[in-house]
Amino acid sequence: MDYYPSTGTVKTSMDHPTQGHTQMFRRDLDDGGFARVCQEPRSHTGHGYQTKGGKGGY
């Protein structure tokens, strides 16, 4: 998990069981949304987008 304070963005990276390596970026989270992501990185906040890596890559 990475946090970018200048944009208020949180990035989580994980290996998804069917999609492979993924990164989820969530922008403009309020305190409650940030706390949810910290407790459960797979939580859906309604503020974000996902990227998928290629074979074996990020």
N, C-alpha and C. Protein backbone atom coordinates (compact mmCIF):
# COMPACT_ATOMS: atom_id res chain seq x y z
N MET A 1 0.85 -1.17 0.00
CA MET A 1 0.00 0.00 0.00
C MET A 1 0.90 1.23 0.00
N ASP A 2 0.55 2.18 -0.84
CA ASP A 2 1.25 3.46 -0.90
C ASP A 2 0.23 4.58 -0.74
N TYR A 3 0.67 5.69 -0.12
CA TYR A 3 -0.19 6.85 0.04
C TYR A 3 0.51 8.05 -0.55
N TYR A 4 -0.20 8.80 -1.40
CA TYR A 4 0.33 10.00 -2.03
C TYR A 4 -0.43 11.21 -1.48
N PRO A 5 0.12 11.87 -0.44
CA PRO A 5 -0.61 12.95 0.22
C PRO A 5 -0.89 14.15 -0.68
N SER A 6 -0.03 14.40 -1.68
CA SER A 6 -0.26 15.57 -2.53
C SER A 6 -1.54 15.45 -3.34
N THR A 7 -1.97 14.21 -3.64
CA THR A 7 -3.20 14.01 -4.40
C THR A 7 -4.29 13.33 -3.58
N GLY A 8 -3.96 12.89 -2.37
CA GLY A 8 -4.92 12.17 -1.55
C GLY A 8 -5.24 10.80 -2.10
N THR A 9 -4.27 10.19 -2.78
CA THR A 9 -4.48 8.90 -3.44
C THR A 9 -3.83 7.77 -2.65
N VAL A 10 -4.54 6.65 -2.56
CA VAL A 10 -4.03 5.44 -1.93
C VAL A 10 -3.91 4.39 -3.03
N LYS A 11 -2.75 3.71 -3.11
CA LYS A 11 -2.56 2.64 -4.08
C LYS A 11 -2.37 1.33 -3.33
N THR A 12 -3.12 0.32 -3.72
CA THR A 12 -2.92 -1.02 -3.19
C THR A 12 -2.53 -1.93 -4.35
N SER A 13 -1.60 -2.83 -4.09
CA SER A 13 -1.14 -3.79 -5.09
C SER A 13 -1.31 -5.18 -4.53
N MET A 14 -1.81 -6.10 -5.35
CA MET A 14 -1.97 -7.47 -4.88
C MET A 14 -2.09 -8.41 -6.07
N ASP A 15 -1.94 -9.68 -5.79
CA ASP A 15 -2.15 -10.71 -6.80
C ASP A 15 -3.59 -11.18 -6.70
N HIS A 16 -4.36 -10.89 -7.71
CA HIS A 16 -5.76 -11.28 -7.76
C HIS A 16 -5.84 -12.73 -8.24
N PRO A 17 -6.74 -13.53 -7.69
CA PRO A 17 -6.78 -14.95 -8.04
C PRO A 17 -7.03 -15.22 -9.54
N THR A 18 -7.81 -14.38 -10.21
CA THR A 18 -8.08 -14.63 -11.63
C THR A 18 -7.49 -13.58 -12.55
N GLN A 19 -7.23 -12.36 -12.07
CA GLN A 19 -6.74 -11.28 -12.91
C GLN A 19 -5.23 -11.12 -12.87
N GLY A 20 -4.55 -11.82 -11.99
CA GLY A 20 -3.11 -11.65 -11.85
C GLY A 20 -2.78 -10.44 -10.99
N HIS A 21 -1.60 -9.86 -11.21
CA HIS A 21 -1.17 -8.71 -10.42
C HIS A 21 -2.00 -7.50 -10.79
N THR A 22 -2.59 -6.86 -9.80
CA THR A 22 -3.40 -5.66 -10.03
C THR A 22 -2.99 -4.55 -9.08
N GLN A 23 -3.29 -3.33 -9.50
CA GLN A 23 -3.10 -2.16 -8.65
C GLN A 23 -4.41 -1.39 -8.64
N MET A 24 -4.84 -0.96 -7.47
CA MET A 24 -6.06 -0.18 -7.34
C MET A 24 -5.68 1.18 -6.77
N PHE A 25 -6.07 2.22 -7.47
CA PHE A 25 -5.83 3.59 -7.03
C PHE A 25 -7.15 4.20 -6.60
N ARG A 26 -7.16 4.81 -5.41
CA ARG A 26 -8.37 5.46 -4.90
C ARG A 26 -8.02 6.91 -4.56
N ARG A 27 -8.76 7.83 -5.16
CA ARG A 27 -8.49 9.25 -4.98
C ARG A 27 -9.53 9.91 -4.09
N ASP A 28 -9.13 11.02 -3.50
CA ASP A 28 -10.04 11.88 -2.73
C ASP A 28 -10.83 11.12 -1.67
N LEU A 29 -10.15 10.26 -0.93
CA LEU A 29 -10.83 9.52 0.13
C LEU A 29 -10.98 10.38 1.37
N ASP A 30 -12.14 10.30 2.00
CA ASP A 30 -12.31 10.95 3.29
C ASP A 30 -11.69 10.04 4.36
N ASP A 31 -11.71 10.47 5.60
CA ASP A 31 -11.09 9.69 6.68
C ASP A 31 -11.69 8.29 6.79
N GLY A 32 -13.00 8.19 6.64
CA GLY A 32 -13.66 6.88 6.73
C GLY A 32 -13.26 5.96 5.59
N GLY A 33 -13.18 6.49 4.38
CA GLY A 33 -12.76 5.69 3.23
C GLY A 33 -11.32 5.23 3.37
N PHE A 34 -10.46 6.11 3.85
CA PHE A 34 -9.06 5.74 4.06
C PHE A 34 -8.95 4.63 5.11
N ALA A 35 -9.72 4.75 6.18
CA ALA A 35 -9.69 3.73 7.24
C ALA A 35 -10.18 2.38 6.69
N ARG A 36 -11.24 2.39 5.85
CA ARG A 36 -11.74 1.15 5.26
C ARG A 36 -10.69 0.47 4.40
N VAL A 37 -9.98 1.25 3.59
CA VAL A 37 -8.93 0.68 2.73
C VAL A 37 -7.79 0.13 3.58
N CYS A 38 -7.45 0.80 4.66
CA CYS A 38 -6.38 0.30 5.54
C CYS A 38 -6.79 -1.02 6.20
N GLN A 39 -8.05 -1.14 6.57
CA GLN A 39 -8.52 -2.37 7.22
C GLN A 39 -8.75 -3.49 6.21
N GLU A 40 -9.24 -3.16 5.01
CA GLU A 40 -9.53 -4.15 3.99
C GLU A 40 -9.15 -3.60 2.62
N PRO A 41 -7.93 -3.91 2.15
CA PRO A 41 -7.43 -3.34 0.89
C PRO A 41 -8.31 -3.66 -0.33
N ARG A 42 -9.13 -4.70 -0.26
CA ARG A 42 -10.01 -5.03 -1.38
C ARG A 42 -11.35 -4.31 -1.33
N SER A 43 -11.55 -3.46 -0.32
CA SER A 43 -12.84 -2.79 -0.18
C SER A 43 -13.10 -1.87 -1.37
N HIS A 44 -14.37 -1.72 -1.71
CA HIS A 44 -14.77 -0.85 -2.81
C HIS A 44 -15.25 0.47 -2.22
N THR A 45 -14.66 1.55 -2.70
CA THR A 45 -14.98 2.86 -2.16
C THR A 45 -15.80 3.71 -3.12
N GLY A 46 -15.85 3.32 -4.39
CA GLY A 46 -16.54 4.13 -5.38
C GLY A 46 -15.68 5.26 -5.91
N HIS A 47 -14.44 5.39 -5.43
CA HIS A 47 -13.52 6.43 -5.87
C HIS A 47 -12.22 5.77 -6.30
N GLY A 48 -12.11 5.37 -7.55
CA GLY A 48 -10.84 4.79 -7.93
C GLY A 48 -10.84 4.15 -9.29
N TYR A 49 -9.69 3.62 -9.64
CA TYR A 49 -9.54 2.89 -10.88
C TYR A 49 -8.51 1.81 -10.68
N GLN A 50 -8.50 0.83 -11.58
CA GLN A 50 -7.64 -0.34 -11.45
C GLN A 50 -6.75 -0.46 -12.68
N THR A 51 -5.52 -0.91 -12.46
CA THR A 51 -4.64 -1.26 -13.56
C THR A 51 -4.22 -2.70 -13.40
N LYS A 52 -3.96 -3.36 -14.51
CA LYS A 52 -3.52 -4.75 -14.48
C LYS A 52 -2.15 -4.83 -15.12
N GLY A 53 -1.28 -5.61 -14.49
CA GLY A 53 0.05 -5.82 -15.05
C GLY A 53 0.02 -6.90 -16.10
N GLY A 54 1.07 -6.94 -16.92
CA GLY A 54 1.20 -7.99 -17.91
C GLY A 54 1.69 -9.27 -17.27
N LYS A 55 2.05 -10.23 -18.09
CA LYS A 55 2.53 -11.51 -17.57
C LYS A 55 3.74 -11.30 -16.66
N GLY A 56 3.58 -11.70 -15.43
CA GLY A 56 4.68 -11.65 -14.47
C GLY A 56 5.19 -10.26 -14.15
N GLY A 57 4.49 -9.23 -14.55
CA GLY A 57 5.01 -7.88 -14.32
C GLY A 57 4.05 -6.99 -13.58
N TYR A 58 4.50 -5.80 -13.30
CA TYR A 58 3.68 -4.83 -12.58
C TYR A 58 3.04 -3.89 -13.55
